[in-house]
PDB file of N, CA and C in Angstrom:
ATOM      1  N   MET A   1     -13.231  -5.495   6.646  1.00  0.00           N
ATOM      2  CA  MET A   1     -13.182  -4.353   5.766  1.00  0.00           C
ATOM      3  C   MET A   1     -12.274  -4.714   4.600  1.00  0.00           C
ATOM      4  N   ARG A   2     -12.623  -4.217   3.446  1.00  0.00           N
ATOM      5  CA  ARG A   2     -11.851  -4.523   2.243  1.00  0.00           C
ATOM      6  C   ARG A   2     -11.453  -3.225   1.549  1.00  0.00           C
ATOM      7  N   VAL A   3     -10.173  -3.137   1.133  1.00  0.00           N
ATOM      8  CA  VAL A   3      -9.692  -1.998   0.355  1.00  0.00           C
ATOM      9  C   VAL A   3      -9.110  -2.524  -0.955  1.00  0.00           C
ATOM     10  N   VAL A   4      -9.032  -1.646  -1.939  1.00  0.00           N
ATOM     11  CA  VAL A   4      -8.439  -1.991  -3.226  1.00  0.00           C
ATOM     12  C   VAL A   4      -7.060  -1.347  -3.272  1.00  0.00           C
ATOM     13  N   VAL A   5      -6.048  -2.128  -3.600  1.00  0.00           N
ATOM     14  CA  VAL A   5      -4.664  -1.662  -3.611  1.00  0.00           C
ATOM     15  C   VAL A   5      -4.117  -1.721  -5.037  1.00  0.00           C
ATOM     16  N   LYS A   6      -3.434  -0.659  -5.409  1.00  0.00           N
ATOM     17  CA  LYS A   6      -2.749  -0.611  -6.704  1.00  0.00           C
ATOM     18  C   LYS A   6      -1.384   0.010  -6.451  1.00  0.00           C
ATOM     19  N   HIS A   7      -0.384  -0.446  -7.203  1.00  0.00           N
ATOM     20  CA  HIS A   7       0.935   0.172  -7.041  1.00  0.00           C
ATOM     21  C   HIS A   7       1.478   0.618  -8.386  1.00  0.00           C
ATOM     22  N   LEU A   8       2.220   1.715  -8.332  1.00  0.00           N
ATOM     23  CA  LEU A   8       2.852   2.303  -9.512  1.00  0.00           C
ATOM     24  C   LEU A   8       4.338   2.481  -9.243  1.00  0.00           C
ATOM     25  N   GLY A   9       5.102   2.694 -10.295  1.00  0.00           N
ATOM     26  CA  GLY A   9       6.537   2.932 -10.145  1.00  0.00           C
ATOM     27  C   GLY A   9       7.302   1.628 -10.116  1.00  0.00           C
ATOM     28  N   ILE A  10       8.372   1.600  -9.339  1.00  0.00           N
ATOM     29  CA  ILE A  10       9.210   0.408  -9.234  1.00  0.00           C
ATOM     30  C   ILE A  10       8.351  -0.743  -8.717  1.00  0.00           C
ATOM     31  N   PRO A  11       8.299  -1.869  -9.423  1.00  0.00           N
ATOM     32  CA  PRO A  11       7.425  -2.973  -9.003  1.00  0.00           C
ATOM     33  C   PRO A  11       7.807  -3.541  -7.643  1.00  0.00           C
ATOM     34  N   LEU A  12       6.802  -3.945  -6.898  1.00  0.00           N
ATOM     35  CA  LEU A  12       7.007  -4.698  -5.664  1.00  0.00           C
ATOM     36  C   LEU A  12       6.861  -6.162  -6.033  1.00  0.00           C
ATOM     37  N   GLU A  13       7.963  -6.850  -6.063  1.00  0.00           N
ATOM     38  CA  GLU A  13       7.986  -8.247  -6.497  1.00  0.00           C
ATOM     39  C   GLU A  13       6.965  -9.077  -5.736  1.00  0.00           C
ATOM     40  N   GLY A  14       6.172  -9.799  -6.493  1.00  0.00           N
ATOM     41  CA  GLY A  14       5.179 -10.684  -5.894  1.00  0.00           C
ATOM     42  C   GLY A  14       3.794 -10.081  -5.813  1.00  0.00           C
ATOM     43  N   LEU A  15       3.684  -8.761  -5.966  1.00  0.00           N
ATOM     44  CA  LEU A  15       2.370  -8.136  -5.942  1.00  0.00           C
ATOM     45  C   LEU A  15       1.813  -8.073  -7.354  1.00  0.00           C
ATOM     46  N   ASP A  16       0.533  -8.303  -7.453  1.00  0.00           N
ATOM     47  CA  ASP A  16      -0.144  -8.244  -8.737  1.00  0.00           C
ATOM     48  C   ASP A  16      -0.040  -6.834  -9.298  1.00  0.00           C
ATOM     49  N   LYS A  17       0.254  -6.700 -10.579  1.00  0.00           N
ATOM     50  CA  LYS A  17       0.357  -5.382 -11.211  1.00  0.00           C
ATOM     51  C   LYS A  17      -1.014  -4.733 -11.388  1.00  0.00           C
ATOM     52  N   GLU A  18      -2.047  -5.550 -11.387  1.00  0.00           N
ATOM     53  CA  GLU A  18      -3.415  -5.037 -11.469  1.00  0.00           C
ATOM     54  C   GLU A  18      -3.911  -4.733 -10.058  1.00  0.00           C
ATOM     55  N   PRO A  19      -4.884  -3.841  -9.925  1.00  0.00           N
ATOM     56  CA  PRO A  19      -5.450  -3.592  -8.594  1.00  0.00           C
ATOM     57  C   PRO A  19      -5.927  -4.899  -7.971  1.00  0.00           C
ATOM     58  N   PHE A  20      -5.736  -5.017  -6.658  1.00  0.00           N
ATOM     59  CA  PHE A  20      -6.183  -6.211  -5.941  1.00  0.00           C
ATOM     60  C   PHE A  20      -6.835  -5.793  -4.632  1.00  0.00           C
ATOM     61  N   GLU A  21      -7.657  -6.671  -4.108  1.00  0.00           N
ATOM     62  CA  GLU A  21      -8.355  -6.395  -2.855  1.00  0.00           C
ATOM     63  C   GLU A  21      -7.575  -6.975  -1.693  1.00  0.00           C
ATOM     64  N   LEU A  22      -7.647  -6.270  -0.565  1.00  0.00           N
ATOM     65  CA  LEU A  22      -6.965  -6.712   0.644  1.00  0.00           C
ATOM     66  C   LEU A  22      -7.932  -6.563   1.806  1.00  0.00           C
ATOM     67  N   ASP A  23      -8.078  -7.613   2.603  1.00  0.00           N
ATOM     68  CA  ASP A  23      -8.945  -7.581   3.776  1.00  0.00           C
ATOM     69  C   ASP A  23      -8.160  -7.078   4.976  1.00  0.00           C
ATOM     70  N   LEU A  24      -8.723  -6.079   5.647  1.00  0.00           N
ATOM     71  CA  LEU A  24      -8.119  -5.489   6.837  1.00  0.00           C
ATOM     72  C   LEU A  24      -9.181  -5.374   7.919  1.00  0.00           C
ATOM     73  N   GLU A  25      -8.750  -4.993   9.117  1.00  0.00           N
ATOM     74  CA  GLU A  25      -9.662  -4.775  10.235  1.00  0.00           C
ATOM     75  C   GLU A  25     -10.141  -3.326  10.238  1.00  0.00           C
ATOM     76  N   GLU A  26     -11.355  -3.088  10.743  1.00  0.00           N
ATOM     77  CA  GLU A  26     -11.857  -1.724  10.893  1.00  0.00           C
ATOM     78  C   GLU A  26     -10.853  -0.908  11.703  1.00  0.00           C
ATOM     79  N   GLY A  27     -10.589   0.307  11.258  1.00  0.00           N
ATOM     80  CA  GLY A  27      -9.671   1.182  11.971  1.00  0.00           C
ATOM     81  C   GLY A  27      -8.206   0.989  11.613  1.00  0.00           C
ATOM     82  N   ASP A  28      -7.904   0.033  10.722  1.00  0.00           N
ATOM     83  CA  ASP A  28      -6.516  -0.176  10.317  1.00  0.00           C
ATOM     84  C   ASP A  28      -6.003   1.044   9.551  1.00  0.00           C
ATOM     85  N   THR A  29      -4.687   1.201   9.585  1.00  0.00           N
ATOM     86  CA  THR A  29      -4.014   2.324   8.947  1.00  0.00           C
ATOM     87  C   THR A  29      -3.180   1.840   7.757  1.00  0.00           C
ATOM     88  N   ILE A  30      -2.578   2.796   7.073  1.00  0.00           N
ATOM     89  CA  ILE A  30      -1.639   2.447   5.996  1.00  0.00           C
ATOM     90  C   ILE A  30      -0.523   1.571   6.554  1.00  0.00           C
ATOM     91  N   ARG A  31      -0.061   1.864   7.763  1.00  0.00           N
ATOM     92  CA  ARG A  31       0.983   1.031   8.401  1.00  0.00           C
ATOM     93  C   ARG A  31       0.505  -0.413   8.500  1.00  0.00           C
ATOM     94  N   ASP A  32      -0.733  -0.619   8.904  1.00  0.00           N
ATOM     95  CA  ASP A  32      -1.277  -1.980   9.001  1.00  0.00           C
ATOM     96  C   ASP A  32      -1.348  -2.649   7.632  1.00  0.00           C
ATOM     97  N   LEU A  33      -1.700  -1.866   6.618  1.00  0.00           N
ATOM     98  CA  LEU A  33      -1.743  -2.389   5.250  1.00  0.00           C
ATOM     99  C   LEU A  33      -0.353  -2.857   4.825  1.00  0.00           C
ATOM    100  N   VAL A  34       0.651  -2.025   5.072  1.00  0.00           N
ATOM    101  CA  VAL A  34       2.035  -2.389   4.720  1.00  0.00           C
ATOM    102  C   VAL A  34       2.457  -3.647   5.487  1.00  0.00           C
ATOM    103  N   ASP A  35       2.144  -3.695   6.783  1.00  0.00           N
ATOM    104  CA  ASP A  35       2.487  -4.880   7.587  1.00  0.00           C
ATOM    105  C   ASP A  35       1.823  -6.133   7.015  1.00  0.00           C
ATOM    106  N   GLN A  36       0.562  -6.008   6.596  1.00  0.00           N
ATOM    107  CA  GLN A  36      -0.158  -7.141   6.004  1.00  0.00           C
ATOM    108  C   GLN A  36       0.514  -7.597   4.708  1.00  0.00           C
ATOM    109  N   LEU A  37       0.919  -6.637   3.879  1.00  0.00           N
ATOM    110  CA  LEU A  37       1.606  -6.989   2.636  1.00  0.00           C
ATOM    111  C   LEU A  37       2.914  -7.715   2.932  1.00  0.00           C
ATOM    112  N   MET A  38       3.649  -7.271   3.956  1.00  0.00           N
ATOM    113  CA  MET A  38       4.914  -7.931   4.298  1.00  0.00           C
ATOM    114  C   MET A  38       4.674  -9.329   4.866  1.00  0.00           C
ATOM    115  N   LYS A  39       3.562  -9.542   5.573  1.00  0.00           N
ATOM    116  CA  LYS A  39       3.232 -10.878   6.071  1.00  0.00           C
ATOM    117  C   LYS A  39       2.887 -11.818   4.911  1.00  0.00           C
ATOM    118  N   GLN A  40       2.123 -11.298   3.945  1.00  0.00           N
ATOM    119  CA  GLN A  40       1.713 -12.122   2.810  1.00  0.00           C
ATOM    120  C   GLN A  40       2.854 -12.386   1.842  1.00  0.00           C
ATOM    121  N   HIS A  41       3.829 -11.489   1.811  1.00  0.00           N
ATOM    122  CA  HIS A  41       4.972 -11.587   0.893  1.00  0.00           C
ATOM    123  C   HIS A  41       6.244 -11.396   1.712  1.00  0.00           C
ATOM    124  N   PRO A  42       6.732 -12.458   2.379  1.00  0.00           N
ATOM    125  CA  PRO A  42       7.843 -12.350   3.323  1.00  0.00           C
ATOM    126  C   PRO A  42       9.136 -11.757   2.754  1.00  0.00           C
ATOM    127  N   HIS A  43       9.285 -11.760   1.427  1.00  0.00           N
ATOM    128  CA  HIS A  43      10.491 -11.174   0.832  1.00  0.00           C
ATOM    129  C   HIS A  43      10.445  -9.637   0.877  1.00  0.00           C
ATOM    130  N   LEU A  44       9.254  -9.061   1.084  1.00  0.00           N
ATOM    131  CA  LEU A  44       9.150  -7.607   1.207  1.00  0.00           C
ATOM    132  C   LEU A  44       9.550  -7.189   2.618  1.00  0.00           C
ATOM    133  N   THR A  45      10.315  -6.121   2.707  1.00  0.00           N
ATOM    134  CA  THR A  45      10.794  -5.611   3.991  1.00  0.00           C
ATOM    135  C   THR A  45      10.442  -4.132   4.102  1.00  0.00           C
ATOM    136  N   PRO A  46      10.590  -3.550   5.284  1.00  0.00           N
ATOM    137  CA  PRO A  46      10.336  -2.110   5.416  1.00  0.00           C
ATOM    138  C   PRO A  46      11.137  -1.278   4.416  1.00  0.00           C
ATOM    139  N   LYS A  47      12.313  -1.760   4.034  1.00  0.00           N
ATOM    140  CA  LYS A  47      13.144  -1.025   3.071  1.00  0.00           C
ATOM    141  C   LYS A  47      12.422  -0.842   1.732  1.00  0.00           C
ATOM    142  N   HIS A  48      11.620  -1.821   1.332  1.00  0.00           N
ATOM    143  CA  HIS A  48      10.879  -1.714   0.086  1.00  0.00           C
ATOM    144  C   HIS A  48       9.896  -0.549   0.104  1.00  0.00           C
ATOM    145  N   PHE A  49       9.485  -0.122   1.285  1.00  0.00           N
ATOM    146  CA  PHE A  49       8.470   0.919   1.406  1.00  0.00           C
ATOM    147  C   PHE A  49       9.044   2.280   1.811  1.00  0.00           C
ATOM    148  N   GLN A  50      10.374   2.373   1.949  1.00  0.00           N
ATOM    149  CA  GLN A  50      10.999   3.636   2.356  1.00  0.00           C
ATOM    150  C   GLN A  50      10.775   4.751   1.347  1.00  0.00           C
ATOM    151  N   THR A  51      10.712   4.424   0.092  1.00  0.00           N
ATOM    152  CA  THR A  51      10.540   5.441  -0.944  1.00  0.00           C
ATOM    153  C   THR A  51       9.137   5.375  -1.552  1.00  0.00           C
ATOM    154  N   THR A  52       8.173   4.941  -0.752  1.00  0.00           N
ATOM    155  CA  THR A  52       6.799   4.812  -1.228  1.00  0.00           C
ATOM    156  C   THR A  52       5.948   5.958  -0.694  1.00  0.00           C
ATOM    157  N   SER A  53       5.178   6.553  -1.594  1.00  0.00           N
ATOM    158  CA  SER A  53       4.166   7.538  -1.210  1.00  0.00           C
ATOM    159  C   SER A  53       2.814   6.847  -1.306  1.00  0.00           C
ATOM    160  N   PHE A  54       1.863   7.323  -0.523  1.00  0.00           N
ATOM    161  CA  PHE A  54       0.555   6.686  -0.454  1.00  0.00           C
ATOM    162  C   PHE A  54      -0.544   7.700  -0.760  1.00  0.00           C
ATOM    163  N   MET A  55      -1.586   7.208  -1.401  1.00  0.00           N
ATOM    164  CA  MET A  55      -2.789   8.005  -1.622  1.00  0.00           C
ATOM    165  C   MET A  55      -3.996   7.131  -1.296  1.00  0.00           C
ATOM    166  N   ILE A  56      -4.999   7.759  -0.694  1.00  0.00           N
ATOM    167  CA  ILE A  56      -6.265   7.082  -0.430  1.00  0.00           C
ATOM    168  C   ILE A  56      -7.333   7.845  -1.188  1.00  0.00           C
ATOM    169  N   ASP A  57      -7.969   7.174  -2.122  1.00  0.00           N
ATOM    170  CA  ASP A  57      -9.005   7.803  -2.954  1.00  0.00           C
ATOM    171  C   ASP A  57      -8.542   9.152  -3.512  1.00  0.00           C
ATOM    172  N   GLY A  58      -7.300   9.201  -3.989  1.00  0.00           N
ATOM    173  CA  GLY A  58      -6.762  10.391  -4.653  1.00  0.00           C
ATOM    174  C   GLY A  58      -6.228  11.471  -3.734  1.00  0.00           C
ATOM    175  N   LYS A  59      -6.193  11.214  -2.421  1.00  0.00           N
ATOM    176  CA  LYS A  59      -5.677  12.204  -1.475  1.00  0.00           C
ATOM    177  C   LYS A  59      -4.430  11.666  -0.790  1.00  0.00           C
ATOM    178  N   LYS A  60      -3.433  12.527  -0.641  1.00  0.00           N
ATOM    179  CA  LYS A  60      -2.171  12.123  -0.013  1.00  0.00           C
ATOM    180  C   LYS A  60      -2.433  11.529   1.370  1.00  0.00           C
ATOM    181  N   ALA A  61      -1.718  10.466   1.674  1.00  0.00           N
ATOM    182  CA  ALA A  61      -1.868   9.773   2.948  1.00  0.00           C
ATOM    183  C   ALA A  61      -0.483   9.437   3.496  1.00  0.00           C
ATOM    184  N   ASP A  62      -0.440   9.037   4.768  1.00  0.00           N
ATOM    185  CA  ASP A  62       0.809   8.595   5.382  1.00  0.00           C
ATOM    186  C   ASP A  62       0.524   7.350   6.218  1.00  0.00           C
ATOM    187  N   TYR A  63       1.534   6.868   6.918  1.00  0.00           N
ATOM    188  CA  TYR A  63       1.400   5.619   7.663  1.00  0.00           C
ATOM    189  C   TYR A  63       0.301   5.678   8.729  1.00  0.00           C
ATOM    190  N   LYS A  64      -0.031   6.859   9.223  1.00  0.00           N
ATOM    191  CA  LYS A  64      -1.043   6.990  10.279  1.00  0.00           C
ATOM    192  C   LYS A  64      -2.458   7.142   9.734  1.00  0.00           C
ATOM    193  N   SER A  65      -2.605   7.272   8.426  1.00  0.00           N
ATOM    194  CA  SER A  65      -3.927   7.474   7.827  1.00  0.00           C
ATOM    195  C   SER A  65      -4.801   6.239   8.042  1.00  0.00           C
ATOM    196  N   ILE A  66      -6.003   6.477   8.544  1.00  0.00           N
ATOM    197  CA  ILE A  66      -6.950   5.395   8.824  1.00  0.00           C
ATOM    198  C   ILE A  66      -7.734   5.065   7.557  1.00  0.00           C
ATOM    199  N   LEU A  67      -7.833   3.782   7.294  1.00  0.00           N
ATOM    200  CA  LEU A  67      -8.535   3.297   6.102  1.00  0.00           C
ATOM    201  C   LEU A  67      -9.992   2.981   6.426  1.00  0.00           C
ATOM    202  N   LYS A  68     -10.831   3.112   5.391  1.00  0.00           N
ATOM    203  CA  LYS A  68     -12.247   2.781   5.505  1.00  0.00           C
ATOM    204  C   LYS A  68     -12.602   1.758   4.425  1.00  0.00           C
ATOM    205  N   ASP A  69     -13.696   1.066   4.656  1.00  0.00           N
ATOM    206  CA  ASP A  69     -14.145   0.040   3.724  1.00  0.00           C
ATOM    207  C   ASP A  69     -14.317   0.605   2.315  1.00  0.00           C
ATOM    208  N   ASN A  70     -13.878  -0.153   1.330  1.00  0.00           N
ATOM    209  CA  ASN A  70     -13.996   0.152  -0.101  1.00  0.00           C
ATOM    210  C   ASN A  70     -13.125   1.295  -0.594  1.00  0.00           C
ATOM    211  N   GLU A  71     -12.187   1.779   0.217  1.00  0.00           N
ATOM    212  CA  GLU A  71     -11.296   2.826  -0.276  1.00  0.00           C
ATOM    213  C   GLU A  71     -10.278   2.229  -1.234  1.00  0.00           C
ATOM    214  N   ARG A  72      -9.757   3.094  -2.090  1.00  0.00           N
ATOM    215  CA  ARG A  72      -8.721   2.705  -3.050  1.00  0.00           C
ATOM    216  C   ARG A  72      -7.399   3.290  -2.581  1.00  0.00           C
ATOM    217  N   VAL A  73      -6.420   2.428  -2.390  1.00  0.00           N
ATOM    218  CA  VAL A  73      -5.099   2.836  -1.906  1.00  0.00           C
ATOM    219  C   VAL A  73      -4.097   2.697  -3.047  1.00  0.00           C
ATOM    220  N   LEU A  74      -3.369   3.752  -3.287  1.00  0.00           N
ATOM    221  CA  LEU A  74      -2.341   3.755  -4.324  1.00  0.00           C
ATOM    222  C   LEU A  74      -0.981   3.825  -3.660  1.00  0.00           C
ATOM    223  N   LEU A  75      -0.114   2.862  -3.978  1.00  0.00           N
ATOM    224  CA  LEU A  75       1.270   2.850  -3.515  1.00  0.00           C
ATOM    225  C   LEU A  75       2.123   3.331  -4.680  1.00  0.00           C
ATOM    226  N   MET A  76       2.851   4.402  -4.481  1.00  0.00           N
ATOM    227  CA  MET A  76       3.684   4.951  -5.564  1.00  0.00           C
ATOM    228  C   MET A  76       5.139   4.896  -5.137  1.00  0.00           C
ATOM    229  N   ARG A  77       5.878   4.040  -5.791  1.00  0.00           N
ATOM    230  CA  ARG A  77       7.297   3.900  -5.492  1.00  0.00           C
ATOM    231  C   ARG A  77       8.091   4.809  -6.407  1.00  0.00           C
ATOM    232  N   ILE A  78       8.943   5.609  -5.820  1.00  0.00           N
ATOM    233  CA  ILE A  78       9.730   6.598  -6.545  1.00  0.00           C
ATOM    234  C   ILE A  78      10.698   5.909  -7.508  1.00  0.00           C
ATOM    235  N   LEU A  79      10.697   6.393  -8.747  1.00  0.00           N
ATOM    236  CA  LEU A  79      11.582   5.829  -9.774  1.00  0.00           C
ATOM    237  C   LEU A  79      12.971   6.460  -9.721  1.00  0.00           C
ATOM    238  N   GLY A  80      13.046   7.721  -9.429  1.00  0.00           N
ATOM    239  CA  GLY A  80      14.335   8.417  -9.393  1.00  0.00           C
ATOM    240  C   GLY A  80      14.131   9.902  -9.190  1.00  0.00           C
ATOM    241  N   GLY A  81      15.189  10.575  -8.941  1.00  0.00           N
ATOM    242  CA  GLY A  81      15.102  12.008  -8.694  1.00  0.00           C
ATOM    243  C   GLY A  81      15.751  12.790  -9.809  1.00  0.00           C
ATOM    244  N   GLY A  82      15.653  14.078  -9.700  1.00  0.00           N
ATOM    245  CA  GLY A  82      16.351  14.841 -10.694  1.00  0.00           C
ATOM    246  C   GLY A  82      15.721  16.118 -10.936  1.00  0.00           C
TER     247      GLY A  82
END
């Protein structure tokens, strides 16, 4: 299964700023996607994702959200509060 990943906000070092495709297994979740990103980019840690919100095809998602083939996942890292 393949999903398209894009991130906004504070950059995740090493990730392409343009949308990129990521191969996952059927039934994988956002948690699995994050784990895959950390495997591919060992400098990324769970701390990098503590302030990240997720959307799947424009709908709010969380770590338990199940992904489907060809979905678009948006990682939004919080810039600041106020």
